[in-house]
Amino acid sequence: MAVTIYHNPRCSKSRETLALLEKKGVKPRVVEYLKEPPGAKELDAILSKLKMEPRDLMRQKEAPFADLKLGNPKLTRAQLIKAMVENPVLIERPIVLSGSKAALGRPPENVLKIL
């Protein structure tokens, strides 16, 4: 089964998750999401697989969260996803996809349950 990791090489949890996958013999497709952010449809599908809402996957301490007033409860799911696509630094990482399943690698061992 194909495995994909949305990865930030500067993030220790992301590096640890990638190393854990490789240790288990998994050779994932690595997507550096800051360079190649997912599109809105793709991110919506990832959120559905994670069973999360957009704010659950947002790094709320990043500057764009406050700058764009993303805590506003009136913002729609589509508006929040658009903000994440346009500002991928807001997306929590790492995210691992395996078939119809997804897991957030925080802690890295979380991803083992979807392999």
PDB file of N, CA and C in Angstrom:
ATOM      1  N   MET A   1       0.834  -1.184   0.000  1.00  0.00           N
ATOM      2  CA  MET A   1       0.000   0.000   0.000  1.00  0.00           C
ATOM      3  C   MET A   1       0.877   1.245   0.000  1.00  0.00           C
ATOM      4  N   ALA A   2       0.493   2.230  -0.781  1.00  0.00           N
ATOM      5  CA  ALA A   2       1.255   3.477  -0.875  1.00  0.00           C
ATOM      6  C   ALA A   2       1.060   4.313   0.389  1.00  0.00           C
ATOM      7  N   VAL A   3       2.158   4.850   0.869  1.00  0.00           N
ATOM      8  CA  VAL A   3       2.138   5.704   2.056  1.00  0.00           C
ATOM      9  C   VAL A   3       2.735   7.048   1.662  1.00  0.00           C
ATOM     10  N   THR A   4       2.091   8.110   2.119  1.00  0.00           N
ATOM     11  CA  THR A   4       2.560   9.472   1.855  1.00  0.00           C
ATOM     12  C   THR A   4       2.743  10.178   3.177  1.00  0.00           C
ATOM     13  N   ILE A   5       3.812  10.959   3.298  1.00  0.00           N
ATOM     14  CA  ILE A   5       4.018  11.792   4.482  1.00  0.00           C
ATOM     15  C   ILE A   5       4.121  13.247   4.030  1.00  0.00           C
ATOM     16  N   TYR A   6       3.311  14.082   4.650  1.00  0.00           N
ATOM     17  CA  TYR A   6       3.420  15.531   4.457  1.00  0.00           C
ATOM     18  C   TYR A   6       4.432  15.972   5.503  1.00  0.00           C
ATOM     19  N   HIS A   7       5.576  16.397   5.010  1.00  0.00           N
ATOM     20  CA  HIS A   7       6.795  16.489   5.807  1.00  0.00           C
ATOM     21  C   HIS A   7       7.392  17.883   5.779  1.00  0.00           C
ATOM     22  N   ASN A   8       7.952  18.261   6.919  1.00  0.00           N
ATOM     23  CA  ASN A   8       8.757  19.476   7.013  1.00  0.00           C
ATOM     24  C   ASN A   8      10.102  19.039   7.583  1.00  0.00           C
ATOM     25  N   PRO A   9      11.156  19.036   6.774  1.00  0.00           N
ATOM     26  CA  PRO A   9      12.451  18.541   7.247  1.00  0.00           C
ATOM     27  C   PRO A   9      13.040  19.346   8.405  1.00  0.00           C
ATOM     28  N   ARG A  10      12.520  20.538   8.664  1.00  0.00           N
ATOM     29  CA  ARG A  10      13.030  21.352   9.772  1.00  0.00           C
ATOM     30  C   ARG A  10      12.344  21.011  11.097  1.00  0.00           C
ATOM     31  N   CYS A  11      11.316  20.171  11.052  1.00  0.00           N
ATOM     32  CA  CYS A  11      10.532  19.817  12.233  1.00  0.00           C
ATOM     33  C   CYS A  11      11.023  18.488  12.809  1.00  0.00           C
ATOM     34  N   SER A  12      11.360  18.470  14.090  1.00  0.00           N
ATOM     35  CA  SER A  12      11.877  17.248  14.707  1.00  0.00           C
ATOM     36  C   SER A  12      10.844  16.120  14.699  1.00  0.00           C
ATOM     37  N   LYS A  13       9.580  16.414  14.967  1.00  0.00           N
ATOM     38  CA  LYS A  13       8.545  15.367  14.960  1.00  0.00           C
ATOM     39  C   LYS A  13       8.375  14.795  13.556  1.00  0.00           C
ATOM     40  N   SER A  14       8.469  15.639  12.566  1.00  0.00           N
ATOM     41  CA  SER A  14       8.359  15.183  11.188  1.00  0.00           C
ATOM     42  C   SER A  14       9.538  14.279  10.830  1.00  0.00           C
ATOM     43  N   ARG A  15      10.734  14.671  11.219  1.00  0.00           N
ATOM     44  CA  ARG A  15      11.917  13.841  10.962  1.00  0.00           C
ATOM     45  C   ARG A  15      11.820  12.513  11.709  1.00  0.00           C
ATOM     46  N   GLU A  16      11.352  12.553  12.957  1.00  0.00           N
ATOM     47  CA  GLU A  16      11.213  11.330  13.752  1.00  0.00           C
ATOM     48  C   GLU A  16      10.178  10.396  13.125  1.00  0.00           C
ATOM     49  N   THR A  17       9.091  10.945  12.639  1.00  0.00           N
ATOM     50  CA  THR A  17       8.045  10.129  12.021  1.00  0.00           C
ATOM     51  C   THR A  17       8.557   9.481  10.739  1.00  0.00           C
ATOM     52  N   LEU A  18       9.259  10.237   9.919  1.00  0.00           N
ATOM     53  CA  LEU A  18       9.826   9.690   8.693  1.00  0.00           C
ATOM     54  C   LEU A  18      10.814   8.574   9.024  1.00  0.00           C
ATOM     55  N   ALA A  19      11.655   8.784  10.022  1.00  0.00           N
ATOM     56  CA  ALA A  19      12.629   7.767  10.420  1.00  0.00           C
ATOM     57  C   ALA A  19      11.918   6.510  10.935  1.00  0.00           C
ATOM     58  N   LEU A  20      10.836   6.682  11.676  1.00  0.00           N
ATOM     59  CA  LEU A  20      10.074   5.540  12.182  1.00  0.00           C
ATOM     60  C   LEU A  20       9.475   4.732  11.034  1.00  0.00           C
ATOM     61  N   LEU A  21       8.903   5.425  10.062  1.00  0.00           N
ATOM     62  CA  LEU A  21       8.356   4.733   8.897  1.00  0.00           C
ATOM     63  C   LEU A  21       9.433   3.932   8.187  1.00  0.00           C
ATOM     64  N   GLU A  22      10.579   4.563   7.962  1.00  0.00           N
ATOM     65  CA  GLU A  22      11.676   3.890   7.266  1.00  0.00           C
ATOM     66  C   GLU A  22      12.200   2.699   8.068  1.00  0.00           C
ATOM     67  N   LYS A  23      12.245   2.836   9.385  1.00  0.00           N
ATOM     68  CA  LYS A  23      12.681   1.741  10.261  1.00  0.00           C
ATOM     69  C   LYS A  23      11.732   0.548  10.139  1.00  0.00           C
ATOM     70  N   LYS A  24      10.461   0.824   9.889  1.00  0.00           N
ATOM     71  CA  LYS A  24       9.455  -0.231   9.732  1.00  0.00           C
ATOM     72  C   LYS A  24       9.436  -0.791   8.308  1.00  0.00           C
ATOM     73  N   GLY A  25      10.360  -0.313   7.467  1.00  0.00           N
ATOM     74  CA  GLY A  25      10.449  -0.812   6.104  1.00  0.00           C
ATOM     75  C   GLY A  25       9.528  -0.112   5.118  1.00  0.00           C
ATOM     76  N   VAL A  26       8.926   0.978   5.541  1.00  0.00           N
ATOM     77  CA  VAL A  26       8.017   1.737   4.675  1.00  0.00           C
ATOM     78  C   VAL A  26       8.821   2.811   3.959  1.00  0.00           C
ATOM     79  N   LYS A  27       8.637   2.874   2.646  1.00  0.00           N
ATOM     80  CA  LYS A  27       9.299   3.911   1.856  1.00  0.00           C
ATOM     81  C   LYS A  27       8.212   4.867   1.364  1.00  0.00           C
ATOM     82  N   PRO A  28       7.895   5.876   2.175  1.00  0.00           N
ATOM     83  CA  PRO A  28       6.785   6.753   1.815  1.00  0.00           C
ATOM     84  C   PRO A  28       7.147   7.746   0.722  1.00  0.00           C
ATOM     85  N   ARG A  29       6.103   8.196   0.036  1.00  0.00           N
ATOM     86  CA  ARG A  29       6.267   9.352  -0.853  1.00  0.00           C
ATOM     87  C   ARG A  29       6.338  10.557   0.074  1.00  0.00           C
ATOM     88  N   VAL A  30       7.393  11.328  -0.039  1.00  0.00           N
ATOM     89  CA  VAL A  30       7.602  12.477   0.837  1.00  0.00           C
ATOM     90  C   VAL A  30       7.163  13.745   0.113  1.00  0.00           C
ATOM     91  N   VAL A  31       6.220  14.451   0.728  1.00  0.00           N
ATOM     92  CA  VAL A  31       5.739  15.714   0.184  1.00  0.00           C
ATOM     93  C   VAL A  31       6.154  16.813   1.156  1.00  0.00           C
ATOM     94  N   GLU A  32       7.064  17.665   0.711  1.00  0.00           N
ATOM     95  CA  GLU A  32       7.441  18.817   1.533  1.00  0.00           C
ATOM     96  C   GLU A  32       6.346  19.861   1.327  1.00  0.00           C
ATOM     97  N   TYR A  33       5.368  19.833   2.211  1.00  0.00           N
ATOM     98  CA  TYR A  33       4.147  20.603   2.004  1.00  0.00           C
ATOM     99  C   TYR A  33       4.342  22.113   2.047  1.00  0.00           C
ATOM    100  N   LEU A  34       5.446  22.592   2.590  1.00  0.00           N
ATOM    101  CA  LEU A  34       5.691  24.035   2.541  1.00  0.00           C
ATOM    102  C   LEU A  34       6.082  24.466   1.130  1.00  0.00           C
ATOM    103  N   LYS A  35       6.699  23.541   0.374  1.00  0.00           N
ATOM    104  CA  LYS A  35       7.076  23.807  -1.016  1.00  0.00           C
ATOM    105  C   LYS A  35       5.955  23.416  -1.975  1.00  0.00           C
ATOM    106  N   GLU A  36       5.243  22.344  -1.642  1.00  0.00           N
ATOM    107  CA  GLU A  36       4.161  21.817  -2.481  1.00  0.00           C
ATOM    108  C   GLU A  36       2.908  21.636  -1.631  1.00  0.00           C
ATOM    109  N   PRO A  37       2.235  22.725  -1.280  1.00  0.00           N
ATOM    110  CA  PRO A  37       1.063  22.587  -0.411  1.00  0.00           C
ATOM    111  C   PRO A  37      -0.075  21.848  -1.110  1.00  0.00           C
ATOM    112  N   PRO A  38      -0.862  21.121  -0.321  1.00  0.00           N
ATOM    113  CA  PRO A  38      -2.016  20.448  -0.920  1.00  0.00           C
ATOM    114  C   PRO A  38      -3.033  21.479  -1.390  1.00  0.00           C
ATOM    115  N   GLY A  39      -3.814  21.111  -2.395  1.00  0.00           N
ATOM    116  CA  GLY A  39      -4.902  21.967  -2.841  1.00  0.00           C
ATOM    117  C   GLY A  39      -6.069  21.866  -1.869  1.00  0.00           C
ATOM    118  N   ALA A  40      -7.075  22.678  -2.072  1.00  0.00           N
ATOM    119  CA  ALA A  40      -8.224  22.713  -1.162  1.00  0.00           C
ATOM    120  C   ALA A  40      -8.950  21.372  -1.109  1.00  0.00           C
ATOM    121  N   LYS A  41      -9.186  20.753  -2.256  1.00  0.00           N
ATOM    122  CA  LYS A  41      -9.881  19.455  -2.268  1.00  0.00           C
ATOM    123  C   LYS A  41      -9.057  18.391  -1.565  1.00  0.00           C
ATOM    124  N   GLU A  42      -7.765  18.399  -1.820  1.00  0.00           N
ATOM    125  CA  GLU A  42      -6.873  17.422  -1.201  1.00  0.00           C
ATOM    126  C   GLU A  42      -6.838  17.613   0.315  1.00  0.00           C
ATOM    127  N   LEU A  43      -6.721  18.862   0.762  1.00  0.00           N
ATOM    128  CA  LEU A  43      -6.680  19.135   2.200  1.00  0.00           C
ATOM    129  C   LEU A  43      -8.015  18.772   2.858  1.00  0.00           C
ATOM    130  N   ASP A  44      -9.117  19.048   2.172  1.00  0.00           N
ATOM    131  CA  ASP A  44     -10.430  18.669   2.696  1.00  0.00           C
ATOM    132  C   ASP A  44     -10.511  17.150   2.871  1.00  0.00           C
ATOM    133  N   ALA A  45     -10.002  16.406   1.892  1.00  0.00           N
ATOM    134  CA  ALA A  45     -10.007  14.944   1.981  1.00  0.00           C
ATOM    135  C   ALA A  45      -9.112  14.459   3.123  1.00  0.00           C
ATOM    136  N   ILE A  46      -7.967  15.094   3.301  1.00  0.00           N
ATOM    137  CA  ILE A  46      -7.061  14.732   4.403  1.00  0.00           C
ATOM    138  C   ILE A  46      -7.751  14.966   5.741  1.00  0.00           C
ATOM    139  N   LEU A  47      -8.401  16.107   5.878  1.00  0.00           N
ATOM    140  CA  LEU A  47      -9.121  16.412   7.113  1.00  0.00           C
ATOM    141  C   LEU A  47     -10.200  15.367   7.391  1.00  0.00           C
ATOM    142  N   SER A  48     -10.900  14.956   6.355  1.00  0.00           N
ATOM    143  CA  SER A  48     -11.937  13.932   6.522  1.00  0.00           C
ATOM    144  C   SER A  48     -11.319  12.610   6.986  1.00  0.00           C
ATOM    145  N   LYS A  49     -10.199  12.230   6.382  1.00  0.00           N
ATOM    146  CA  LYS A  49      -9.530  10.993   6.789  1.00  0.00           C
ATOM    147  C   LYS A  49      -9.039  11.071   8.236  1.00  0.00           C
ATOM    148  N   LEU A  50      -8.596  12.252   8.633  1.00  0.00           N
ATOM    149  CA  LEU A  50      -8.126  12.452  10.004  1.00  0.00           C
ATOM    150  C   LEU A  50      -9.284  12.591  10.998  1.00  0.00           C
ATOM    151  N   LYS A  51     -10.498  12.790  10.459  1.00  0.00           N
ATOM    152  CA  LYS A  51     -11.686  13.061  11.282  1.00  0.00           C
ATOM    153  C   LYS A  51     -11.457  14.319  12.130  1.00  0.00           C
ATOM    154  N   MET A  52     -10.943  15.355  11.447  1.00  0.00           N
ATOM    155  CA  MET A  52     -10.632  16.626  12.102  1.00  0.00           C
ATOM    156  C   MET A  52     -11.297  17.769  11.348  1.00  0.00           C
ATOM    157  N   GLU A  53     -11.513  18.826  12.062  1.00  0.00           N
ATOM    158  CA  GLU A  53     -11.950  20.081  11.463  1.00  0.00           C
ATOM    159  C   GLU A  53     -10.696  20.911  11.188  1.00  0.00           C
ATOM    160  N   PRO A  54     -10.797  21.895  10.287  1.00  0.00           N
ATOM    161  CA  PRO A  54      -9.598  22.668   9.925  1.00  0.00           C
ATOM    162  C   PRO A  54      -8.833  23.251  11.114  1.00  0.00           C
ATOM    163  N   ARG A  55      -9.527  23.855  12.070  1.00  0.00           N
ATOM    164  CA  ARG A  55      -8.798  24.463  13.196  1.00  0.00           C
ATOM    165  C   ARG A  55      -8.062  23.425  14.032  1.00  0.00           C
ATOM    166  N   ASP A  56      -8.547  22.162  14.022  1.00  0.00           N
ATOM    167  CA  ASP A  56      -7.875  21.094  14.769  1.00  0.00           C
ATOM    168  C   ASP A  56      -6.504  20.783  14.180  1.00  0.00           C
ATOM    169  N   LEU A  57      -6.319  21.104  12.919  1.00  0.00           N
ATOM    170  CA  LEU A  57      -5.068  20.815  12.222  1.00  0.00           C
ATOM    171  C   LEU A  57      -4.232  22.078  12.007  1.00  0.00           C
ATOM    172  N   MET A  58      -4.660  23.173  12.596  1.00  0.00           N
ATOM    173  CA  MET A  58      -3.938  24.437  12.424  1.00  0.00           C
ATOM    174  C   MET A  58      -2.941  24.678  13.543  1.00  0.00           C
ATOM    175  N   ARG A  59      -1.821  25.200  13.140  1.00  0.00           N
ATOM    176  CA  ARG A  59      -0.811  25.657  14.101  1.00  0.00           C
ATOM    177  C   ARG A  59      -1.210  27.083  14.505  1.00  0.00           C
ATOM    178  N   GLN A  60      -1.915  27.165  15.609  1.00  0.00           N
ATOM    179  CA  GLN A  60      -2.537  28.423  15.994  1.00  0.00           C
ATOM    180  C   GLN A  60      -1.566  29.461  16.535  1.00  0.00           C
ATOM    181  N   LYS A  61      -0.318  29.066  16.797  1.00  0.00           N
ATOM    182  CA  LYS A  61       0.677  30.032  17.271  1.00  0.00           C
ATOM    183  C   LYS A  61       1.442  30.692  16.128  1.00  0.00           C
ATOM    184  N   GLU A  62       1.189  30.225  14.905  1.00  0.00           N
ATOM    185  CA  GLU A  62       1.840  30.844  13.744  1.00  0.00           C
ATOM    186  C   GLU A  62       1.194  32.199  13.466  1.00  0.00           C
ATOM    187  N   ALA A  63       1.999  33.151  13.001  1.00  0.00           N
ATOM    188  CA  ALA A  63       1.533  34.520  12.769  1.00  0.00           C
ATOM    189  C   ALA A  63       0.294  34.616  11.874  1.00  0.00           C
ATOM    190  N   PRO A  64       0.204  33.861  10.777  1.00  0.00           N
ATOM    191  CA  PRO A  64      -0.982  34.013   9.924  1.00  0.00           C
ATOM    192  C   PRO A  64      -2.299  33.708  10.641  1.00  0.00           C
ATOM    193  N   PHE A  65      -2.263  32.856  11.665  1.00  0.00           N
ATOM    194  CA  PHE A  65      -3.501  32.538  12.378  1.00  0.00           C
ATOM    195  C   PHE A  65      -4.100  33.816  12.979  1.00  0.00           C
ATOM    196  N   ALA A  66      -3.279  34.593  13.669  1.00  0.00           N
ATOM    197  CA  ALA A  66      -3.756  35.842  14.268  1.00  0.00           C
ATOM    198  C   ALA A  66      -3.983  36.905  13.198  1.00  0.00           C
ATOM    199  N   ASP A  67      -3.041  37.017  12.269  1.00  0.00           N
ATOM    200  CA  ASP A  67      -3.136  38.047  11.235  1.00  0.00           C
ATOM    201  C   ASP A  67      -4.422  37.932  10.420  1.00  0.00           C
ATOM    202  N   LEU A  68      -4.820  36.686  10.130  1.00  0.00           N
ATOM    203  CA  LEU A  68      -6.013  36.445   9.306  1.00  0.00           C
ATOM    204  C   LEU A  68      -7.282  36.258  10.142  1.00  0.00           C
ATOM    205  N   LYS A  69      -7.121  36.397  11.468  1.00  0.00           N
ATOM    206  CA  LYS A  69      -8.260  36.270  12.393  1.00  0.00           C
ATOM    207  C   LYS A  69      -8.985  34.927  12.203  1.00  0.00           C
ATOM    208  N   LEU A  70      -8.191  33.853  12.142  1.00  0.00           N
ATOM    209  CA  LEU A  70      -8.744  32.531  11.865  1.00  0.00           C
ATOM    210  C   LEU A  70      -9.461  31.912  13.058  1.00  0.00           C
ATOM    211  N   GLY A  71      -9.388  32.555  14.197  1.00  0.00           N
ATOM    212  CA  GLY A  71     -10.156  32.106  15.356  1.00  0.00           C
ATOM    213  C   GLY A  71     -11.606  32.545  15.300  1.00  0.00           C
ATOM    214  N   ASN A  72     -11.958  33.372  14.328  1.00  0.00           N
ATOM    215  CA  ASN A  72     -13.327  33.881  14.177  1.00  0.00           C
ATOM    216  C   ASN A  72     -14.275  32.706  13.914  1.00  0.00           C
ATOM    217  N   PRO A  73     -15.236  32.468  14.819  1.00  0.00           N
ATOM    218  CA  PRO A  73     -16.143  31.327  14.649  1.00  0.00           C
ATOM    219  C   PRO A  73     -17.074  31.440  13.441  1.00  0.00           C
ATOM    220  N   LYS A  74     -17.160  32.604  12.833  1.00  0.00           N
ATOM    221  CA  LYS A  74     -18.034  32.782  11.673  1.00  0.00           C
ATOM    222  C   LYS A  74     -17.404  32.284  10.370  1.00  0.00           C
ATOM    223  N   LEU A  75     -16.103  32.010  10.400  1.00  0.00           N
ATOM    224  CA  LEU A  75     -15.439  31.531   9.193  1.00  0.00           C
ATOM    225  C   LEU A  75     -15.906  30.115   8.868  1.00  0.00           C
ATOM    226  N   THR A  76     -16.129  29.863   7.596  1.00  0.00           N
ATOM    227  CA  THR A  76     -16.588  28.544   7.155  1.00  0.00           C
ATOM    228  C   THR A  76     -15.420  27.579   7.013  1.00  0.00           C
ATOM    229  N   ARG A  77     -15.752  26.321   6.907  1.00  0.00           N
ATOM    230  CA  ARG A  77     -14.738  25.291   6.663  1.00  0.00           C
ATOM    231  C   ARG A  77     -13.947  25.625   5.399  1.00  0.00           C
ATOM    232  N   ALA A  78     -14.655  26.012   4.348  1.00  0.00           N
ATOM    233  CA  ALA A  78     -13.987  26.342   3.083  1.00  0.00           C
ATOM    234  C   ALA A  78     -13.033  27.528   3.249  1.00  0.00           C
ATOM    235  N   GLN A  79     -13.429  28.533   4.010  1.00  0.00           N
ATOM    236  CA  GLN A  79     -12.562  29.689   4.232  1.00  0.00           C
ATOM    237  C   GLN A  79     -11.310  29.289   5.022  1.00  0.00           C
ATOM    238  N   LEU A  80     -11.477  28.423   6.002  1.00  0.00           N
ATOM    239  CA  LEU A  80     -10.335  27.977   6.802  1.00  0.00           C
ATOM    240  C   LEU A  80      -9.383  27.133   5.969  1.00  0.00           C
ATOM    241  N   ILE A  81      -9.942  26.243   5.153  1.00  0.00           N
ATOM    242  CA  ILE A  81      -9.102  25.419   4.282  1.00  0.00           C
ATOM    243  C   ILE A  81      -8.348  26.298   3.292  1.00  0.00           C
ATOM    244  N   LYS A  82      -9.020  27.285   2.730  1.00  0.00           N
ATOM    245  CA  LYS A  82      -8.368  28.207   1.796  1.00  0.00           C
ATOM    246  C   LYS A  82      -7.184  28.901   2.474  1.00  0.00           C
ATOM    247  N   ALA A  83      -7.372  29.328   3.716  1.00  0.00           N
ATOM    248  CA  ALA A  83      -6.286  29.994   4.453  1.00  0.00           C
ATOM    249  C   ALA A  83      -5.109  29.046   4.655  1.00  0.00           C
ATOM    250  N   MET A  84      -5.396  27.776   4.903  1.00  0.00           N
ATOM    251  CA  MET A  84      -4.330  26.796   5.111  1.00  0.00           C
ATOM    252  C   MET A  84      -3.575  26.515   3.807  1.00  0.00           C
ATOM    253  N   VAL A  85      -4.302  26.446   2.713  1.00  0.00           N
ATOM    254  CA  VAL A  85      -3.674  26.212   1.406  1.00  0.00           C
ATOM    255  C   VAL A  85      -2.773  27.394   1.039  1.00  0.00           C
ATOM    256  N   GLU A  86      -3.259  28.598   1.301  1.00  0.00           N
ATOM    257  CA  GLU A  86      -2.494  29.804   0.966  1.00  0.00           C
ATOM    258  C   GLU A  86      -1.361  30.075   1.950  1.00  0.00           C
ATOM    259  N   ASN A  87      -1.446  29.505   3.145  1.00  0.00           N
ATOM    260  CA  ASN A  87      -0.440  29.692   4.194  1.00  0.00           C
ATOM    261  C   ASN A  87      -0.106  28.326   4.789  1.00  0.00           C
ATOM    262  N   PRO A  88       0.603  27.467   4.050  1.00  0.00           N
ATOM    263  CA  PRO A  88       0.815  26.095   4.516  1.00  0.00           C
ATOM    264  C   PRO A  88       1.557  25.982   5.841  1.00  0.00           C
ATOM    265  N   VAL A  89       2.197  27.061   6.286  1.00  0.00           N
ATOM    266  CA  VAL A  89       2.852  27.037   7.593  1.00  0.00           C
ATOM    267  C   VAL A  89       1.818  26.784   8.696  1.00  0.00           C
ATOM    268  N   LEU A  90       0.553  27.032   8.404  1.00  0.00           N
ATOM    269  CA  LEU A  90      -0.515  26.793   9.378  1.00  0.00           C
ATOM    270  C   LEU A  90      -0.835  25.314   9.561  1.00  0.00           C
ATOM    271  N   ILE A  91      -0.432  24.471   8.626  1.00  0.00           N
ATOM    272  CA  ILE A  91      -0.798  23.059   8.673  1.00  0.00           C
ATOM    273  C   ILE A  91       0.121  22.314   9.648  1.00  0.00           C
ATOM    274  N   GLU A  92      -0.502  21.654  10.625  1.00  0.00           N
ATOM    275  CA  GLU A  92       0.257  20.842  11.583  1.00  0.00           C
ATOM    276  C   GLU A  92       0.910  19.682  10.846  1.00  0.00           C
ATOM    277  N   ARG A  93       2.038  19.256  11.327  1.00  0.00           N
ATOM    278  CA  ARG A  93       2.768  18.187  10.670  1.00  0.00           C
ATOM    279  C   ARG A  93       3.365  17.259  11.705  1.00  0.00           C
ATOM    280  N   PRO A  94       3.748  16.083  11.262  1.00  0.00           N
ATOM    281  CA  PRO A  94       3.590  15.479   9.947  1.00  0.00           C
ATOM    282  C   PRO A  94       2.247  14.759   9.833  1.00  0.00           C
ATOM    283  N   ILE A  95       1.760  14.675   8.623  1.00  0.00           N
ATOM    284  CA  ILE A  95       0.545  13.932   8.331  1.00  0.00           C
ATOM    285  C   ILE A  95       0.957  12.741   7.471  1.00  0.00           C
ATOM    286  N   VAL A  96       0.492  11.561   7.847  1.00  0.00           N
ATOM    287  CA  VAL A  96       0.797  10.353   7.086  1.00  0.00           C
ATOM    288  C   VAL A  96      -0.509   9.774   6.564  1.00  0.00           C
ATOM    289  N   LEU A  97      -0.520   9.461   5.269  1.00  0.00           N
ATOM    290  CA  LEU A  97      -1.678   8.845   4.623  1.00  0.00           C
ATOM    291  C   LEU A  97      -1.302   7.438   4.192  1.00  0.00           C
ATOM    292  N   SER A  98      -2.236   6.518   4.421  1.00  0.00           N
ATOM    293  CA  SER A  98      -2.060   5.140   3.984  1.00  0.00           C
ATOM    294  C   SER A  98      -3.429   4.639   3.549  1.00  0.00           C
ATOM    295  N   GLY A  99      -3.633   4.592   2.232  1.00  0.00           N
ATOM    296  CA  GLY A  99      -4.945   4.194   1.717  1.00  0.00           C
ATOM    297  C   GLY A  99      -6.019   5.180   2.151  1.00  0.00           C
ATOM    298  N   SER A 100      -7.065   4.668   2.777  1.00  0.00           N
ATOM    299  CA  SER A 100      -8.168   5.524   3.209  1.00  0.00           C
ATOM    300  C   SER A 100      -7.967   6.054   4.623  1.00  0.00           C
ATOM    301  N   LYS A 101      -6.797   5.801   5.191  1.00  0.00           N
ATOM    302  CA  LYS A 101      -6.523   6.204   6.571  1.00  0.00           C
ATOM    303  C   LYS A 101      -5.483   7.310   6.614  1.00  0.00           C
ATOM    304  N   ALA A 102      -5.527   8.062   7.712  1.00  0.00           N
ATOM    305  CA  ALA A 102      -4.546   9.125   7.925  1.00  0.00           C
ATOM    306  C   ALA A 102      -4.276   9.253   9.416  1.00  0.00           C
ATOM    307  N   ALA A 103      -3.093   9.741   9.749  1.00  0.00           N
ATOM    308  CA  ALA A 103      -2.732   9.984  11.143  1.00  0.00           C
ATOM    309  C   ALA A 103      -1.773  11.164  11.212  1.00  0.00           C
ATOM    310  N   LEU A 104      -1.882  11.875  12.303  1.00  0.00           N
ATOM    311  CA  LEU A 104      -0.968  12.970  12.602  1.00  0.00           C
ATOM    312  C   LEU A 104       0.158  12.388  13.454  1.00  0.00           C
ATOM    313  N   GLY A 105       1.393  12.610  13.062  1.00  0.00           N
ATOM    314  CA  GLY A 105       2.539  12.041  13.756  1.00  0.00           C
ATOM    315  C   GLY A 105       2.948  12.809  14.995  1.00  0.00           C
ATOM    316  N   ARG A 106       2.011  13.032  15.871  1.00  0.00           N
ATOM    317  CA  ARG A 106       2.271  13.708  17.146  1.00  0.00           C
ATOM    318  C   ARG A 106       1.578  12.929  18.235  1.00  0.00           C
ATOM    319  N   PRO A 107       2.279  12.000  18.875  1.00  0.00           N
ATOM    320  CA  PRO A 107       3.676  11.618  18.685  1.00  0.00           C
ATOM    321  C   PRO A 107       3.853  10.748  17.440  1.00  0.00           C
ATOM    322  N   PRO A 108       5.090  10.550  17.017  1.00  0.00           N
ATOM    323  CA  PRO A 108       5.344   9.790  15.799  1.00  0.00           C
ATOM    324  C   PRO A 108       4.696   8.403  15.780  1.00  0.00           C
ATOM    325  N   GLU A 109       4.593   7.767  16.931  1.00  0.00           N
ATOM    326  CA  GLU A 109       4.026   6.420  17.007  1.00  0.00           C
ATOM    327  C   GLU A 109       2.567   6.364  16.595  1.00  0.00           C
ATOM    328  N   ASN A 110       1.888   7.496  16.569  1.00  0.00           N
ATOM    329  CA  ASN A 110       0.480   7.541  16.123  1.00  0.00           C
ATOM    330  C   ASN A 110       0.307   6.951  14.725  1.00  0.00           C
ATOM    331  N   VAL A 111       1.312   7.098  13.881  1.00  0.00           N
ATOM    332  CA  VAL A 111       1.168   6.659  12.487  1.00  0.00           C
ATOM    333  C   VAL A 111       1.201   5.137  12.342  1.00  0.00           C
ATOM    334  N   LEU A 112       1.697   4.444  13.332  1.00  0.00           N
ATOM    335  CA  LEU A 112       1.799   2.987  13.231  1.00  0.00           C
ATOM    336  C   LEU A 112       0.440   2.324  13.125  1.00  0.00           C
ATOM    337  N   LYS A 113      -0.585   2.926  13.711  1.00  0.00           N
ATOM    338  CA  LYS A 113      -1.918   2.317  13.710  1.00  0.00           C
ATOM    339  C   LYS A 113      -2.574   2.300  12.335  1.00  0.00           C
ATOM    340  N   ILE A 114      -2.058   3.075  11.375  1.00  0.00           N
ATOM    341  CA  ILE A 114      -2.669   3.098  10.041  1.00  0.00           C
ATOM    342  C   ILE A 114      -1.886   2.285   9.006  1.00  0.00           C
ATOM    343  N   LEU A 115      -0.784   1.704   9.419  1.00  0.00           N
ATOM    344  CA  LEU A 115       0.050   0.932   8.473  1.00  0.00           C
ATOM    345  C   LEU A 115      -0.485  -0.476   8.300  1.00  0.00           C
TER     346      LEU A 115
END
